[in-house]
């Protein structure tokens, strides 16, 4: 999840919201009844940034990214076959 993994663990070269097809898919999943109410982004960030002193010894919690998980996912525009991956993706 970009709110933690990109900055805290430095394991992604790109933020999740920068992926054209993956970001709408995640917003669609997040909006699924029964899922949204189980996700607390502030708690997730606080947990990761304060319980891994070997990764973030200061315990400073990053402010961003500020993602709009409730934005329309617009997945209905994705019809047909999945796109062909680009070289290097």
Foldseek 3Di string as FASTA:
>chain_A
DQQDCCPQVVPDPDRQCPDPQRLLVQLVVCPPPPRVVVDDSVVVQQCSLQVCCVRNVVSDGDPDDPDDSNPHSPCVVDDDDDDDDDPPD
